[in-house]
Amino acid sequence: MQHSNFQTIRFVMILSVIVSFLLSIAATQLKSMQIFNIELDKKKNILKSIGLDSSDLDSEKIIYEYNNKIKEVVINKDGSINSTVNFNNLVPIENKATGEVNYFIEDEEFLPAYISSNPEAFIFPISGKGLWGTLYGYFALSDDYDTVKGITFYDHKETPGLGGEVEKKWFQDNFIGKKIYNDNNHLVSITVVKGKVRDVITGNGIKHAVDGISGATITSKGLTTFLKRDLNRYENFFKKKRK
């Protein structure tokens, strides 16, 4: 028995509706899983920035460690802590040209940060342009607000083996113990040099610089630029704490 064209078209339409419905459900469920995994990865990197390796921990343990060690805080532009603003209400807005991310509630800008109780440390997000796109990460300072505790990157588009080395342990370990203030109490940040620090810098300048990545000059320069910019955003807070 032959089917009419109408029956064929009706079957195809019904099948399309069913498939679209199933795909919509799957996409919704996967979206929530993606959001969860993104937030989990951020928590892992925040813990990593203060020297806590969570690579072998399951999601429940990571969340437990984060909730017990990390306090989310909102800082006003003048450097004071704002206890009335909900951290989760901050809306990130990225400058596509520079990769800088600013955080707002309505038209007012605030600074998100994280305070670790064990070990004591201050962590804040960093972002900026490398060679191929924006690098997103976290930068941690010890409780003297001068000594680097760690740096991590959780998202970037840099070339593997070149600029992509920013995510490797050998590069990130270079920052640990470095100083962001010079002997005159000026915020100088950390410079990613071309080559080895001890080959190009002498004296006290060594404590404000790290070895560069071979073949990744643009990534290194970009990191140097946006790290200092983001540190400057928090300097009012550092000044209050360093008193």
Protein backbone atom coordinates (compact mmCIF):
# COMPACT_ATOMS: atom_id res chain seq x y z
CA MET A 1 0.00 0.00 0.00
CA GLN A 2 1.49 3.29 -1.08
CA HIS A 3 1.50 6.31 1.21
CA SER A 4 0.37 9.67 -0.05
CA ASN A 5 2.68 12.67 -0.11
CA PHE A 6 0.61 14.19 2.69
CA GLN A 7 1.26 11.23 4.96
CA THR A 8 4.98 11.36 4.24
CA ILE A 9 5.15 15.08 4.96
CA ARG A 10 3.10 14.64 8.14
CA PHE A 11 5.42 11.87 9.35
CA VAL A 12 8.50 13.98 8.69
CA MET A 13 6.98 16.96 10.52
CA ILE A 14 6.00 14.88 13.54
CA LEU A 15 9.44 13.29 13.64
CA SER A 16 11.10 16.72 13.40
CA VAL A 17 9.03 18.05 16.29
CA ILE A 18 9.88 15.05 18.46
CA VAL A 19 13.60 15.24 17.66
CA SER A 20 13.63 19.01 18.28
CA PHE A 21 11.91 18.49 21.63
CA LEU A 22 14.42 15.83 22.68
CA LEU A 23 17.36 17.98 21.56
CA SER A 24 15.97 20.94 23.51
CA ILE A 25 15.76 18.86 26.69
CA ALA A 26 19.27 17.50 26.17
CA ALA A 27 20.68 20.99 25.52
CA THR A 28 19.04 22.35 28.67
CA GLN A 29 20.42 19.55 30.81
CA LEU A 30 23.88 19.83 29.26
CA LYS A 31 23.87 23.61 29.74
CA SER A 32 23.36 23.27 33.49
CA MET A 33 26.16 20.68 33.60
CA GLN A 34 28.45 22.99 31.63
CA ILE A 35 27.78 25.89 34.00
CA PHE A 36 28.44 23.64 36.99
CA ASN A 37 31.73 22.40 35.50
CA ILE A 38 32.87 25.93 34.65
CA GLU A 39 32.22 27.11 38.20
CA LEU A 40 33.89 23.99 39.59
CA ASP A 41 36.98 24.63 37.47
CA LYS A 42 37.15 28.20 38.75
CA LYS A 43 37.01 26.94 42.33
CA LYS A 44 39.80 24.45 41.56
CA ASN A 45 41.96 27.26 40.18
CA ILE A 46 41.32 29.52 43.15
CA LEU A 47 42.45 26.71 45.45
CA LYS A 48 45.41 26.03 43.18
CA SER A 49 46.48 29.67 43.30
CA ILE A 50 47.12 29.34 47.05
CA GLY A 51 49.05 26.09 46.67
CA LEU A 52 46.26 23.57 47.22
CA ASP A 53 46.32 20.87 44.56
CA SER A 54 42.76 19.67 43.95
CA SER A 55 43.43 17.74 40.73
CA ASP A 56 42.78 14.38 42.43
CA LEU A 57 39.67 15.51 44.32
CA ASP A 58 36.12 14.80 43.22
CA SER A 59 33.60 17.61 42.80
CA GLU A 60 32.11 17.25 46.30
CA LYS A 61 35.54 17.45 47.95
CA ILE A 62 36.51 20.49 45.87
CA ILE A 63 33.33 22.30 46.87
CA TYR A 64 33.90 21.31 50.51
CA GLU A 65 37.49 22.62 50.50
CA TYR A 66 36.42 25.81 48.77
CA ASN A 67 33.53 26.52 51.14
CA ASN A 68 35.71 25.89 54.19
CA LYS A 69 38.76 27.87 53.10
CA ILE A 70 37.55 30.63 50.79
CA LYS A 71 35.43 33.68 51.57
CA GLU A 72 34.01 35.69 48.67
CA VAL A 73 34.17 39.45 49.23
CA VAL A 74 33.19 42.59 47.37
CA ILE A 75 35.54 45.58 47.44
CA ASN A 76 34.64 49.20 46.71
CA LYS A 77 36.79 51.21 44.34
CA ASP A 78 38.24 53.12 47.35
CA GLY A 79 39.59 49.85 48.77
CA SER A 80 37.04 49.29 51.53
CA ILE A 81 35.11 46.03 51.83
CA ASN A 82 31.41 46.29 51.01
CA SER A 83 29.42 44.00 53.28
CA THR A 84 26.01 44.95 51.85
CA VAL A 85 26.53 43.86 48.23
CA ASN A 86 25.86 40.25 47.25
CA PHE A 87 28.91 38.75 45.53
CA ASN A 88 26.69 36.67 43.25
CA ASN A 89 24.94 39.78 41.93
CA LEU A 90 28.10 41.13 40.32
CA VAL A 91 27.76 41.28 36.54
CA PRO A 92 31.03 40.82 34.57
CA ILE A 93 31.44 43.00 31.48
CA GLU A 94 34.46 42.36 29.26
CA ASN A 95 36.23 44.92 27.12
CA LYS A 96 36.70 42.93 23.91
CA ALA A 97 39.67 45.05 22.84
CA THR A 98 41.76 44.60 26.00
CA GLY A 99 40.26 41.52 27.66
CA GLU A 100 39.76 43.50 30.89
CA VAL A 101 36.74 42.33 32.87
CA ASN A 102 34.95 44.85 35.08
CA TYR A 103 32.19 43.95 37.52
CA PHE A 104 29.04 46.00 38.03
CA ILE A 105 25.76 46.14 39.88
CA GLU A 106 23.62 48.46 37.79
CA ASP A 107 25.99 51.35 36.98
CA GLU A 108 28.32 51.01 39.96
CA GLU A 109 31.62 49.16 39.62
CA PHE A 110 32.96 46.84 42.31
CA LEU A 111 35.96 44.54 42.67
CA PRO A 112 35.45 40.84 43.39
CA ALA A 113 37.99 39.05 45.55
CA TYR A 114 38.54 35.92 47.62
CA ILE A 115 40.13 35.63 51.05
CA SER A 116 41.67 32.33 52.09
CA SER A 117 41.79 31.43 55.77
CA ASN A 118 44.20 28.49 55.52
CA PRO A 119 46.67 29.45 54.23
CA GLU A 120 46.03 33.15 54.67
CA ALA A 121 45.96 34.74 51.24
CA PHE A 122 44.16 37.25 49.04
CA ILE A 123 43.02 36.16 45.58
CA PHE A 124 41.48 38.13 42.72
CA PRO A 125 40.62 37.49 39.05
CA ILE A 126 42.94 38.61 36.26
CA SER A 127 42.30 38.77 32.52
CA GLY A 128 43.74 40.30 29.39
CA LYS A 129 44.83 39.78 25.82
CA GLY A 130 47.52 37.34 24.79
CA LEU A 131 48.32 36.45 21.19
CA TRP A 132 45.07 34.79 20.08
CA GLY A 133 42.55 35.87 22.66
CA THR A 134 41.82 36.63 26.29
CA LEU A 135 43.51 34.80 29.16
CA TYR A 136 41.45 34.34 32.33
CA GLY A 137 42.97 33.40 35.66
CA TYR A 138 43.57 34.16 39.31
CA PHE A 139 46.40 35.86 41.16
CA ALA A 140 47.07 35.26 44.86
CA LEU A 141 49.08 37.27 47.38
CA SER A 142 50.24 36.28 50.86
CA ASP A 143 48.81 38.18 53.82
CA ASP A 144 51.56 40.80 53.54
CA TYR A 145 49.91 41.94 50.28
CA ASP A 146 53.29 41.96 48.59
CA THR A 147 54.55 38.38 48.21
CA VAL A 148 53.06 36.32 45.39
CA LYS A 149 51.35 33.16 46.56
CA GLY A 150 50.50 31.86 43.11
CA ILE A 151 48.97 32.41 39.69
CA THR A 152 46.68 30.21 37.59
CA PHE A 153 44.88 30.32 34.26
CA TYR A 154 41.63 28.45 33.68
CA ASP A 155 40.88 29.59 30.13
CA HIS A 156 42.96 30.83 27.20
CA LYS A 157 43.45 30.40 23.46
CA GLU A 158 47.26 30.51 23.33
CA THR A 159 49.26 28.10 21.19
CA PRO A 160 50.13 24.77 22.89
CA GLY A 161 53.87 24.55 23.54
CA LEU A 162 54.28 28.32 23.17
CA GLY A 163 51.93 30.83 24.83
CA GLY A 164 49.94 27.89 26.15
CA GLU A 165 52.76 27.28 28.62
CA VAL A 166 51.10 29.85 30.88
CA GLU A 167 49.01 26.98 32.24
CA LYS A 168 52.02 24.80 33.02
CA LYS A 169 53.39 24.30 36.52
CA TRP A 170 56.96 25.32 35.63
CA PHE A 171 55.82 28.75 34.47
CA GLN A 172 53.35 29.41 37.26
CA ASP A 173 55.85 28.33 39.92
CA ASN A 174 58.15 31.14 38.74
CA PHE A 175 55.79 33.66 40.34
CA ILE A 176 55.76 32.14 43.82
CA GLY A 177 57.71 34.29 46.27
CA LYS A 178 58.08 37.26 43.90
CA LYS A 179 57.28 40.77 45.15
CA ILE A 180 54.85 43.29 43.65
CA TYR A 181 56.23 46.29 45.63
CA ASN A 182 59.74 47.68 45.32
CA ASP A 183 61.93 48.97 48.14
CA ASN A 184 60.35 52.44 47.80
CA ASN A 185 56.91 50.95 48.44
CA HIS A 186 55.78 51.51 44.86
CA LEU A 187 53.62 48.89 43.17
CA VAL A 188 55.72 47.62 40.25
CA SER A 189 53.96 44.29 39.59
CA ILE A 190 55.76 41.32 38.00
CA THR A 191 57.44 41.45 34.59
CA VAL A 192 57.64 38.42 32.31
CA VAL A 193 61.06 38.92 30.72
CA LYS A 194 62.38 37.62 27.43
CA GLY A 195 64.70 34.77 28.38
CA LYS A 196 65.99 34.02 31.88
CA VAL A 197 65.65 36.62 34.63
CA ARG A 198 69.20 36.24 35.89
CA ASP A 199 70.56 36.78 32.37
CA VAL A 200 68.84 40.13 31.85
CA ILE A 201 68.18 41.58 35.31
CA THR A 202 70.46 42.18 38.28
CA GLY A 203 70.04 43.32 41.87
CA ASN A 204 66.65 43.75 43.53
CA GLY A 205 64.89 43.77 40.18
CA ILE A 206 65.10 39.98 40.14
CA LYS A 207 62.36 39.71 42.74
CA HIS A 208 59.94 41.54 40.43
CA ALA A 209 60.47 39.40 37.31
CA VAL A 210 59.95 35.85 36.04
CA ASP A 211 61.42 33.83 33.19
CA GLY A 212 59.66 34.28 29.88
CA ILE A 213 58.30 31.64 27.53
CA SER A 214 60.48 30.90 24.52
CA GLY A 215 58.70 31.85 21.30
CA ALA A 216 55.79 33.53 23.09
CA THR A 217 56.83 37.18 23.24
CA ILE A 218 53.35 38.60 22.61
CA THR A 219 51.77 36.39 25.27
CA SER A 220 54.48 37.38 27.77
CA LYS A 221 54.08 41.09 27.04
CA GLY A 222 50.32 40.82 27.28
CA LEU A 223 50.52 39.09 30.65
CA THR A 224 52.95 41.71 31.96
CA THR A 225 50.59 44.49 30.85
CA PHE A 226 47.29 43.17 32.16
CA LEU A 227 48.74 41.86 35.43
CA LYS A 228 49.99 45.32 36.37
CA ARG A 229 46.69 46.88 35.27
CA ASP A 230 44.66 44.50 37.43
CA LEU A 231 46.97 44.90 40.41
CA ASN A 232 46.56 48.67 40.16
CA ARG A 233 42.77 48.24 40.38
CA TYR A 234 43.19 46.69 43.85
CA GLU A 235 45.96 48.98 45.08
CA ASN A 236 43.67 51.07 47.32
CA PHE A 237 42.77 47.86 49.16
CA PHE A 238 46.45 46.85 49.40
CA LYS A 239 47.35 50.23 50.87
CA LYS A 240 44.76 49.89 53.61
CA LYS A 241 45.98 46.42 54.52
CA ARG A 242 49.69 47.27 54.31
CA LYS A 243 49.28 50.05 56.88
